[in-house]
Amino acid sequence: MNFMTALKDAWRRNDSLICVGLDPEPGRLPAGLSGEEGIFTFCRDIVDATAGLVCAFKPQIAHFAAQRAEGVLERLIKHIHDKHPGIPVILDAKRGDIGSTAKHYSVEAFDRYDADAVTLNPYLGKDSIDPFLAHADKGVILLCRTSNPGGADFQALDCGGEPLYLRVAETIARDWNGNGNCALVTGATWPEELGRVRAVVGKMPLLVPGIGAQGGDIAAVMEHGQTSDGTGLMISSSRAILYASSEGDFASVAHRAADEMRKSVNSFRSKG
């Protein structure tokens, strides 16, 4: 599957900019679900309930690995591909290393897990990202202006008259995106900075965490981040959808939460 093509198709087909994060937390699964099978059942049922409302799914690798459930993650991604073809899967891994290690991380993401895209840290430079960029059909989603407060420790530092995060955005758009498979992570908690990134990267997709539990504002994100045709964004929500209910109705309530968020986002979409 070509990630960028699948993403654009999902924007259109599901009329959605919503990306559901799949972050299973120990102790937060509904009663009766536990262990590897419980994690799989929980995530599978969330996926099945929301697949018609989203543009992507984003499993966070640490939430599975910390519970020794990497095999569950493999099964889950295979389930998404088999049952909901056309919905891209973003492996949220934030990898960043050099040489053979970077190559092995690319094998992990694209061969072992069969993800359609992966999140990466660009701090080590382009040679650390090249093994991923070489997969022209896969999405390479690079950290730019992250949603956490501490992101400003480095990302906001002056870099020749502009903040470092903006230099990152410019460099990736100008020099790294030869295959047209790059995207950037830009937090909903900094909407004006999101707008500055949009201004320099054109129509490059932006993965936007921070809506929901982190307090990001949908109206501000849409004002500053959408492209002229009302797309360009993957607005990520995890906890607000996953844990909308802790009871046996968790999947149907997650469906309602995702649909409400989709409708809210769409109310601010450009019709151009």
C-alpha atoms as a PDB file:
ATOM      1  CA  MET A   1       0.000   0.000   0.000  1.00  0.00           C
ATOM      2  CA  ASN A   2       1.283   3.472  -0.836  1.00  0.00           C
ATOM      3  CA  PHE A   3       0.847   5.473   2.352  1.00  0.00           C
ATOM      4  CA  MET A   4       0.206   8.867   0.804  1.00  0.00           C
ATOM      5  CA  THR A   5      -2.325   7.500  -1.685  1.00  0.00           C
ATOM      6  CA  ALA A   6      -4.130   5.536   1.038  1.00  0.00           C
ATOM      7  CA  LEU A   7      -4.214   8.573   3.328  1.00  0.00           C
ATOM      8  CA  LYS A   8      -5.705  10.822   0.667  1.00  0.00           C
ATOM      9  CA  ASP A   9      -8.251   8.157  -0.226  1.00  0.00           C
ATOM     10  CA  ALA A  10      -9.245   7.751   3.440  1.00  0.00           C
ATOM     11  CA  TRP A  11      -9.621  11.524   3.872  1.00  0.00           C
ATOM     12  CA  ARG A  12     -12.092  11.455   1.009  1.00  0.00           C
ATOM     13  CA  ARG A  13     -13.820   8.110   1.517  1.00  0.00           C
ATOM     14  CA  ASN A  14     -14.441   8.459   5.257  1.00  0.00           C
ATOM     15  CA  ASP A  15     -14.748  12.250   5.136  1.00  0.00           C
ATOM     16  CA  SER A  16     -12.367  12.268   8.078  1.00  0.00           C
ATOM     17  CA  LEU A  17      -9.122  13.789   9.336  1.00  0.00           C
ATOM     18  CA  ILE A  18      -9.229  11.719  12.541  1.00  0.00           C
ATOM     19  CA  CYS A  19      -6.412   9.333  13.469  1.00  0.00           C
ATOM     20  CA  VAL A  20      -7.148   6.996  16.368  1.00  0.00           C
ATOM     21  CA  GLY A  21      -4.159   6.235  18.564  1.00  0.00           C
ATOM     22  CA  LEU A  22      -4.057   2.671  19.878  1.00  0.00           C
ATOM     23  CA  ASP A  23      -2.358   2.930  23.285  1.00  0.00           C
ATOM     24  CA  PRO A  24      -3.486   0.055  25.525  1.00  0.00           C
ATOM     25  CA  GLU A  25      -2.761   0.949  29.160  1.00  0.00           C
ATOM     26  CA  PRO A  26      -2.343  -1.674  31.892  1.00  0.00           C
ATOM     27  CA  GLY A  27      -5.208  -1.441  34.332  1.00  0.00           C
ATOM     28  CA  ARG A  28      -7.471   0.515  31.978  1.00  0.00           C
ATOM     29  CA  LEU A  29      -8.925  -2.324  29.947  1.00  0.00           C
ATOM     30  CA  PRO A  30     -12.612  -3.074  30.569  1.00  0.00           C
ATOM     31  CA  ALA A  31     -13.458  -5.772  33.077  1.00  0.00           C
ATOM     32  CA  GLY A  32     -12.893  -9.264  31.743  1.00  0.00           C
ATOM     33  CA  LEU A  33     -10.077  -8.251  29.402  1.00  0.00           C
ATOM     34  CA  SER A  34      -6.521  -8.952  30.496  1.00  0.00           C
ATOM     35  CA  GLY A  35      -3.250 -10.321  29.205  1.00  0.00           C
ATOM     36  CA  GLU A  36      -2.297 -10.547  25.553  1.00  0.00           C
ATOM     37  CA  GLU A  37      -5.718 -11.715  24.406  1.00  0.00           C
ATOM     38  CA  GLY A  38      -7.389  -8.931  26.325  1.00  0.00           C
ATOM     39  CA  ILE A  39      -5.145  -6.324  24.725  1.00  0.00           C
ATOM     40  CA  PHE A  40      -5.834  -7.728  21.278  1.00  0.00           C
ATOM     41  CA  THR A  41      -9.588  -7.948  21.820  1.00  0.00           C
ATOM     42  CA  PHE A  42      -9.736  -4.392  23.162  1.00  0.00           C
ATOM     43  CA  CYS A  43      -7.744  -2.857  20.312  1.00  0.00           C
ATOM     44  CA  ARG A  44      -9.429  -4.992  17.638  1.00  0.00           C
ATOM     45  CA  ASP A  45     -12.899  -3.998  18.811  1.00  0.00           C
ATOM     46  CA  ILE A  46     -11.920  -0.305  18.894  1.00  0.00           C
ATOM     47  CA  VAL A  47     -10.568  -0.617  15.344  1.00  0.00           C
ATOM     48  CA  ASP A  48     -13.656  -2.399  14.053  1.00  0.00           C
ATOM     49  CA  ALA A  49     -15.941   0.163  15.682  1.00  0.00           C
ATOM     50  CA  THR A  50     -14.134   3.229  14.300  1.00  0.00           C
ATOM     51  CA  ALA A  51     -12.645   2.139  10.963  1.00  0.00           C
ATOM     52  CA  GLY A  52     -15.332   3.906   8.943  1.00  0.00           C
ATOM     53  CA  LEU A  53     -14.691   7.182  10.757  1.00  0.00           C
ATOM     54  CA  VAL A  54     -10.920   7.610  10.528  1.00  0.00           C
ATOM     55  CA  CYS A  55      -8.114   8.385   8.105  1.00  0.00           C
ATOM     56  CA  ALA A  56      -5.507   6.287   9.961  1.00  0.00           C
ATOM     57  CA  PHE A  57      -4.738   4.192  13.016  1.00  0.00           C
ATOM     58  CA  LYS A  58      -1.630   4.846  15.116  1.00  0.00           C
ATOM     59  CA  PRO A  59      -0.523   2.079  17.488  1.00  0.00           C
ATOM     60  CA  GLN A  60       2.147   3.214  19.964  1.00  0.00           C
ATOM     61  CA  ILE A  61       4.839   0.550  20.120  1.00  0.00           C
ATOM     62  CA  ALA A  62       5.882   1.184  23.752  1.00  0.00           C
ATOM     63  CA  HIS A  63       2.382   0.456  25.034  1.00  0.00           C
ATOM     64  CA  PHE A  64       2.651  -3.026  23.554  1.00  0.00           C
ATOM     65  CA  ALA A  65       6.339  -3.690  24.210  1.00  0.00           C
ATOM     66  CA  ALA A  66       6.107  -2.725  27.886  1.00  0.00           C
ATOM     67  CA  GLN A  67       3.510  -5.475  28.301  1.00  0.00           C
ATOM     68  CA  ARG A  68       5.560  -8.001  26.284  1.00  0.00           C
ATOM     69  CA  ALA A  69       2.819  -7.825  23.667  1.00  0.00           C
ATOM     70  CA  GLU A  70       4.751  -7.149  20.459  1.00  0.00           C
ATOM     71  CA  GLY A  71       3.113 -10.234  18.975  1.00  0.00           C
ATOM     72  CA  VAL A  72      -0.275  -8.664  19.681  1.00  0.00           C
ATOM     73  CA  LEU A  73       0.834  -5.566  17.778  1.00  0.00           C
ATOM     74  CA  GLU A  74       1.759  -7.701  14.765  1.00  0.00           C
ATOM     75  CA  ARG A  75      -1.633  -9.429  14.893  1.00  0.00           C
ATOM     76  CA  LEU A  76      -3.445  -6.117  15.278  1.00  0.00           C
ATOM     77  CA  ILE A  77      -1.815  -4.498  12.254  1.00  0.00           C
ATOM     78  CA  LYS A  78      -2.509  -7.625  10.195  1.00  0.00           C
ATOM     79  CA  HIS A  79      -6.149  -7.456  11.311  1.00  0.00           C
ATOM     80  CA  ILE A  80      -6.404  -3.827  10.195  1.00  0.00           C
ATOM     81  CA  HIS A  81      -4.916  -4.629   6.790  1.00  0.00           C
ATOM     82  CA  ASP A  82      -7.108  -7.727   6.331  1.00  0.00           C
ATOM     83  CA  LYS A  83     -10.426  -6.359   7.590  1.00  0.00           C
ATOM     84  CA  HIS A  84     -10.102  -2.668   6.788  1.00  0.00           C
ATOM     85  CA  PRO A  85      -7.919  -2.415   3.687  1.00  0.00           C
ATOM     86  CA  GLY A  86      -7.165   1.128   2.686  1.00  0.00           C
ATOM     87  CA  ILE A  87      -6.901   2.490   6.223  1.00  0.00           C
ATOM     88  CA  PRO A  88      -3.187   3.212   6.757  1.00  0.00           C
ATOM     89  CA  VAL A  89      -1.373   2.191   9.925  1.00  0.00           C
ATOM     90  CA  ILE A  90       1.203   4.531  11.458  1.00  0.00           C
ATOM     91  CA  LEU A  91       3.648   2.827  13.818  1.00  0.00           C
ATOM     92  CA  ASP A  92       4.329   5.403  16.517  1.00  0.00           C
ATOM     93  CA  ALA A  93       7.910   4.498  17.398  1.00  0.00           C
ATOM     94  CA  LYS A  94       9.879   7.787  17.216  1.00  0.00           C
ATOM     95  CA  ARG A  95      13.015   5.912  16.236  1.00  0.00           C
ATOM     96  CA  GLY A  96      16.253   7.739  15.519  1.00  0.00           C
ATOM     97  CA  ASP A  97      19.686   6.183  15.065  1.00  0.00           C
ATOM     98  CA  ILE A  98      22.464   5.806  12.525  1.00  0.00           C
ATOM     99  CA  GLY A  99      23.958   3.260  10.136  1.00  0.00           C
ATOM    100  CA  SER A 100      22.956  -0.369  10.434  1.00  0.00           C
ATOM    101  CA  THR A 101      20.774   0.350  13.471  1.00  0.00           C
ATOM    102  CA  ALA A 102      18.586   2.716  11.454  1.00  0.00           C
ATOM    103  CA  LYS A 103      18.343   0.085   8.730  1.00  0.00           C
ATOM    104  CA  HIS A 104      17.205  -2.517  11.270  1.00  0.00           C
ATOM    105  CA  TYR A 105      14.619  -0.106  12.657  1.00  0.00           C
ATOM    106  CA  SER A 106      13.246   0.326   9.134  1.00  0.00           C
ATOM    107  CA  VAL A 107      13.018  -3.456   8.799  1.00  0.00           C
ATOM    108  CA  GLU A 108      11.214  -3.583  12.144  1.00  0.00           C
ATOM    109  CA  ALA A 109       8.636  -1.013  11.088  1.00  0.00           C
ATOM    110  CA  PHE A 110       8.003  -2.039   7.504  1.00  0.00           C
ATOM    111  CA  ASP A 111       8.829  -5.751   7.352  1.00  0.00           C
ATOM    112  CA  ARG A 112       8.136  -7.101  10.826  1.00  0.00           C
ATOM    113  CA  TYR A 113       5.096  -4.967  11.659  1.00  0.00           C
ATOM    114  CA  ASP A 114       4.027  -4.167   8.075  1.00  0.00           C
ATOM    115  CA  ALA A 115       3.252  -0.565   9.032  1.00  0.00           C
ATOM    116  CA  ASP A 116       2.392   1.913   6.298  1.00  0.00           C
ATOM    117  CA  ALA A 117       4.241   4.748   8.036  1.00  0.00           C
ATOM    118  CA  VAL A 118       6.452   5.310  11.063  1.00  0.00           C
ATOM    119  CA  THR A 119       7.218   8.258  13.325  1.00  0.00           C
ATOM    120  CA  LEU A 120      10.911   9.202  13.561  1.00  0.00           C
ATOM    121  CA  ASN A 121      13.196  11.646  15.337  1.00  0.00           C
ATOM    122  CA  PRO A 122      15.226  13.710  12.813  1.00  0.00           C
ATOM    123  CA  TYR A 123      17.779  14.963  15.373  1.00  0.00           C
ATOM    124  CA  LEU A 124      20.578  12.721  14.064  1.00  0.00           C
ATOM    125  CA  GLY A 125      20.246  14.079  10.536  1.00  0.00           C
ATOM    126  CA  LYS A 126      19.301  12.789   7.126  1.00  0.00           C
ATOM    127  CA  ASP A 127      21.595   9.760   7.064  1.00  0.00           C
ATOM    128  CA  SER A 128      19.672   8.392  10.058  1.00  0.00           C
ATOM    129  CA  ILE A 129      16.421   8.698   8.070  1.00  0.00           C
ATOM    130  CA  ASP A 130      17.669   7.529   4.661  1.00  0.00           C
ATOM    131  CA  PRO A 131      16.862   3.821   5.265  1.00  0.00           C
ATOM    132  CA  PHE A 132      13.226   4.833   5.810  1.00  0.00           C
ATOM    133  CA  LEU A 133      13.077   7.364   2.976  1.00  0.00           C
ATOM    134  CA  ALA A 134      14.257   4.636   0.610  1.00  0.00           C
ATOM    135  CA  HIS A 135      10.851   2.970   1.043  1.00  0.00           C
ATOM    136  CA  ALA A 136       9.106   5.349  -1.352  1.00  0.00           C
ATOM    137  CA  ASP A 137       5.698   3.780  -0.742  1.00  0.00           C
ATOM    138  CA  LYS A 138       5.912   4.193   3.045  1.00  0.00           C
ATOM    139  CA  GLY A 139       5.236   7.294   5.122  1.00  0.00           C
ATOM    140  CA  VAL A 140       8.116   8.915   7.017  1.00  0.00           C
ATOM    141  CA  ILE A 141       6.641  11.114   9.757  1.00  0.00           C
ATOM    142  CA  LEU A 142       9.223  13.296  11.473  1.00  0.00           C
ATOM    143  CA  LEU A 143       9.017  15.125  14.780  1.00  0.00           C
ATOM    144  CA  CYS A 144       8.896  18.884  14.262  1.00  0.00           C
ATOM    145  CA  ARG A 145       7.010  20.838  16.970  1.00  0.00           C
ATOM    146  CA  THR A 146       5.791  18.341  19.519  1.00  0.00           C
ATOM    147  CA  SER A 147       2.762  18.793  21.769  1.00  0.00           C
ATOM    148  CA  ASN A 148       4.526  18.465  25.138  1.00  0.00           C
ATOM    149  CA  PRO A 149       5.507  21.622  27.082  1.00  0.00           C
ATOM    150  CA  GLY A 150       9.160  20.586  27.213  1.00  0.00           C
ATOM    151  CA  GLY A 151       9.357  20.505  23.442  1.00  0.00           C
ATOM    152  CA  ALA A 152      10.323  24.172  23.509  1.00  0.00           C
ATOM    153  CA  ASP A 153      13.551  23.367  25.388  1.00  0.00           C
ATOM    154  CA  PHE A 154      15.210  22.734  22.037  1.00  0.00           C
ATOM    155  CA  GLN A 155      12.584  23.161  19.317  1.00  0.00           C
ATOM    156  CA  ALA A 156      12.114  26.877  20.025  1.00  0.00           C
ATOM    157  CA  LEU A 157      15.827  27.750  20.144  1.00  0.00           C
ATOM    158  CA  ASP A 158      16.956  30.482  17.757  1.00  0.00           C
ATOM    159  CA  CYS A 159      18.514  29.021  14.638  1.00  0.00           C
ATOM    160  CA  GLY A 160      19.744  31.827  12.418  1.00  0.00           C
ATOM    161  CA  GLY A 161      16.778  34.068  13.118  1.00  0.00           C
ATOM    162  CA  GLU A 162      14.088  31.403  13.176  1.00  0.00           C
ATOM    163  CA  PRO A 163      13.163  28.675  15.664  1.00  0.00           C
ATOM    164  CA  LEU A 164      14.771  25.288  15.230  1.00  0.00           C
ATOM    165  CA  TYR A 165      11.439  23.550  14.596  1.00  0.00           C
ATOM    166  CA  LEU A 166      10.864  25.777  11.568  1.00  0.00           C
ATOM    167  CA  ARG A 167      14.351  25.058  10.233  1.00  0.00           C
ATOM    168  CA  VAL A 168      13.538  21.347  10.616  1.00  0.00           C
ATOM    169  CA  ALA A 169      10.302  21.794   8.650  1.00  0.00           C
ATOM    170  CA  GLU A 170      12.016  23.749   5.876  1.00  0.00           C
ATOM    171  CA  THR A 171      14.885  21.279   5.553  1.00  0.00           C
ATOM    172  CA  ILE A 172      12.626  18.246   5.375  1.00  0.00           C
ATOM    173  CA  ALA A 173      10.294  19.861   2.832  1.00  0.00           C
ATOM    174  CA  ARG A 174      13.161  21.119   0.667  1.00  0.00           C
ATOM    175  CA  ASP A 175      15.823  18.406   0.938  1.00  0.00           C
ATOM    176  CA  TRP A 176      14.405  15.165   2.341  1.00  0.00           C
ATOM    177  CA  ASN A 177      11.081  14.773   0.554  1.00  0.00           C
ATOM    178  CA  GLY A 178      12.323  13.635  -2.832  1.00  0.00           C
ATOM    179  CA  ASN A 179       9.925  10.676  -2.847  1.00  0.00           C
ATOM    180  CA  GLY A 180       7.011  12.751  -1.577  1.00  0.00           C
ATOM    181  CA  ASN A 181       6.616  10.436   1.407  1.00  0.00           C
ATOM    182  CA  CYS A 182       7.415  12.794   4.306  1.00  0.00           C
ATOM    183  CA  ALA A 183       5.046  14.204   6.911  1.00  0.00           C
ATOM    184  CA  LEU A 184       5.626  16.130  10.135  1.00  0.00           C
ATOM    185  CA  VAL A 185       4.457  15.855  13.749  1.00  0.00           C
ATOM    186  CA  THR A 186       3.108  19.221  14.906  1.00  0.00           C
ATOM    187  CA  GLY A 187       1.210  19.484  18.183  1.00  0.00           C
ATOM    188  CA  ALA A 188      -2.324  20.802  18.521  1.00  0.00           C
ATOM    189  CA  THR A 189      -1.212  22.604  21.669  1.00  0.00           C
ATOM    190  CA  TRP A 190       0.739  25.159  19.588  1.00  0.00           C
ATOM    191  CA  PRO A 191      -1.696  26.185  16.815  1.00  0.00           C
ATOM    192  CA  GLU A 192       0.110  29.346  15.701  1.00  0.00           C
ATOM    193  CA  GLU A 193       3.361  27.448  15.367  1.00  0.00           C
ATOM    194  CA  LEU A 194       1.430  24.791  13.480  1.00  0.00           C
ATOM    195  CA  GLY A 195       0.412  27.560  11.082  1.00  0.00           C
ATOM    196  CA  ARG A 196       4.029  28.635  10.605  1.00  0.00           C
ATOM    197  CA  VAL A 197       4.933  25.061   9.724  1.00  0.00           C
ATOM    198  CA  ARG A 198       2.046  24.824   7.252  1.00  0.00           C
ATOM    199  CA  ALA A 199       3.213  28.024   5.571  1.00  0.00           C
ATOM    200  CA  VAL A 200       6.648  26.575   4.786  1.00  0.00           C
ATOM    201  CA  VAL A 201       5.748  22.959   3.891  1.00  0.00           C
ATOM    202  CA  GLY A 202       2.790  23.534   1.566  1.00  0.00           C
ATOM    203  CA  LYS A 203       0.466  20.542   1.376  1.00  0.00           C
ATOM    204  CA  MET A 204       2.718  18.100   3.245  1.00  0.00           C
ATOM    205  CA  PRO A 205       0.563  16.089   5.697  1.00  0.00           C
ATOM    206  CA  LEU A 206       0.827  16.963   9.375  1.00  0.00           C
ATOM    207  CA  LEU A 207       0.212  14.475  12.181  1.00  0.00           C
ATOM    208  CA  VAL A 208      -1.338  16.501  14.992  1.00  0.00           C
ATOM    209  CA  PRO A 209      -1.401  15.007  18.506  1.00  0.00           C
ATOM    210  CA  GLY A 210      -2.687  16.883  21.524  1.00  0.00           C
ATOM    211  CA  ILE A 211      -6.460  17.015  20.935  1.00  0.00           C
ATOM    212  CA  GLY A 212      -8.539  15.687  23.809  1.00  0.00           C
ATOM    213  CA  ALA A 213      -6.637  14.833  26.985  1.00  0.00           C
ATOM    214  CA  GLN A 214      -3.835  17.314  26.240  1.00  0.00           C
ATOM    215  CA  GLY A 215      -6.264  20.183  25.674  1.00  0.00           C
ATOM    216  CA  GLY A 216      -5.648  21.102  22.035  1.00  0.00           C
ATOM    217  CA  ASP A 217      -8.389  23.171  20.386  1.00  0.00           C
ATOM    218  CA  ILE A 218      -9.926  21.790  17.203  1.00  0.00           C
ATOM    219  CA  ALA A 219     -10.999  25.172  15.845  1.00  0.00           C
ATOM    220  CA  ALA A 220      -7.490  26.602  16.222  1.00  0.00           C
ATOM    221  CA  VAL A 221      -5.882  23.541  14.651  1.00  0.00           C
ATOM    222  CA  MET A 222      -8.175  23.751  11.653  1.00  0.00           C
ATOM    223  CA  GLU A 223      -7.676  27.500  11.278  1.00  0.00           C
ATOM    224  CA  HIS A 224      -3.906  27.197  11.180  1.00  0.00           C
ATOM    225  CA  GLY A 225      -3.274  23.699   9.869  1.00  0.00           C
ATOM    226  CA  GLN A 226      -5.648  22.577   7.134  1.00  0.00           C
ATOM    227  CA  THR A 227      -4.794  22.949   3.486  1.00  0.00           C
ATOM    228  CA  SER A 228      -6.931  24.937   1.061  1.00  0.00           C
ATOM    229  CA  ASP A 229      -8.935  21.832   0.151  1.00  0.00           C
ATOM    230  CA  GLY A 230      -9.777  21.046   3.784  1.00  0.00           C
ATOM    231  CA  THR A 231      -7.312  18.175   4.201  1.00  0.00           C
ATOM    232  CA  GLY A 232      -3.606  17.912   5.057  1.00  0.00           C
ATOM    233  CA  LEU A 233      -4.096  16.798   8.665  1.00  0.00           C
ATOM    234  CA  MET A 234      -4.132  13.596  10.694  1.00  0.00           C
ATOM    235  CA  ILE A 235      -5.645  14.784  13.975  1.00  0.00           C
ATOM    236  CA  SER A 236      -4.719  12.155  16.523  1.00  0.00           C
ATOM    237  CA  SER A 237      -6.753  11.222  19.559  1.00  0.00           C
ATOM    238  CA  SER A 238      -6.083   8.257  21.818  1.00  0.00           C
ATOM    239  CA  ARG A 239      -7.409   8.357  25.377  1.00  0.00           C
ATOM    240  CA  ALA A 240     -10.533  10.397  24.609  1.00  0.00           C
ATOM    241  CA  ILE A 241     -11.699   7.658  22.242  1.00  0.00           C
ATOM    242  CA  LEU A 242     -10.122   4.498  23.671  1.00  0.00           C
ATOM    243  CA  TYR A 243     -11.315   5.092  27.204  1.00  0.00           C
ATOM    244  CA  ALA A 244     -14.590   6.865  26.539  1.00  0.00           C
ATOM    245  CA  SER A 245     -16.140   3.956  28.453  1.00  0.00           C
ATOM    246  CA  SER A 246     -14.624   1.426  30.839  1.00  0.00           C
ATOM    247  CA  GLU A 247     -17.593  -0.917  30.549  1.00  0.00           C
ATOM    248  CA  GLY A 248     -18.557  -3.641  28.120  1.00  0.00           C
ATOM    249  CA  ASP A 249     -19.941  -1.030  25.732  1.00  0.00           C
ATOM    250  CA  PHE A 250     -16.446   0.438  25.212  1.00  0.00           C
ATOM    251  CA  ALA A 251     -16.448  -0.173  21.454  1.00  0.00           C
ATOM    252  CA  SER A 252     -19.811   1.428  20.727  1.00  0.00           C
ATOM    253  CA  VAL A 253     -18.976   4.403  22.946  1.00  0.00           C
ATOM    254  CA  ALA A 254     -15.619   4.752  21.189  1.00  0.00           C
ATOM    255  CA  HIS A 255     -17.539   4.829  17.901  1.00  0.00           C
ATOM    256  CA  ARG A 256     -19.673   7.688  19.181  1.00  0.00           C
ATOM    257  CA  ALA A 257     -16.659   9.584  20.526  1.00  0.00           C
ATOM    258  CA  ALA A 258     -14.801   9.235  17.211  1.00  0.00           C
ATOM    259  CA  ASP A 259     -17.880  10.286  15.244  1.00  0.00           C
ATOM    260  CA  GLU A 260     -18.395  13.342  17.451  1.00  0.00           C
ATOM    261  CA  MET A 261     -14.776  14.364  16.971  1.00  0.00           C
ATOM    262  CA  ARG A 262     -15.019  13.797  13.218  1.00  0.00           C
ATOM    263  CA  LYS A 263     -18.134  15.973  13.010  1.00  0.00           C
ATOM    264  CA  SER A 264     -16.503  18.676  15.129  1.00  0.00           C
ATOM    265  CA  VAL A 265     -13.418  18.730  12.901  1.00  0.00           C
ATOM    266  CA  ASN A 266     -15.528  18.725   9.742  1.00  0.00           C
ATOM    267  CA  SER A 267     -17.515  21.724  10.953  1.00  0.00           C
ATOM    268  CA  PHE A 268     -14.301  23.763  10.555  1.00  0.00           C
ATOM    269  CA  ARG A 269     -13.121  22.271   7.253  1.00  0.00           C
ATOM    270  CA  SER A 270     -12.626  24.465   4.233  1.00  0.00           C
ATOM    271  CA  LYS A 271     -14.984  23.760   1.379  1.00  0.00           C
ATOM    272  CA  GLY A 272     -12.408  24.947  -1.173  1.00  0.00           C
END
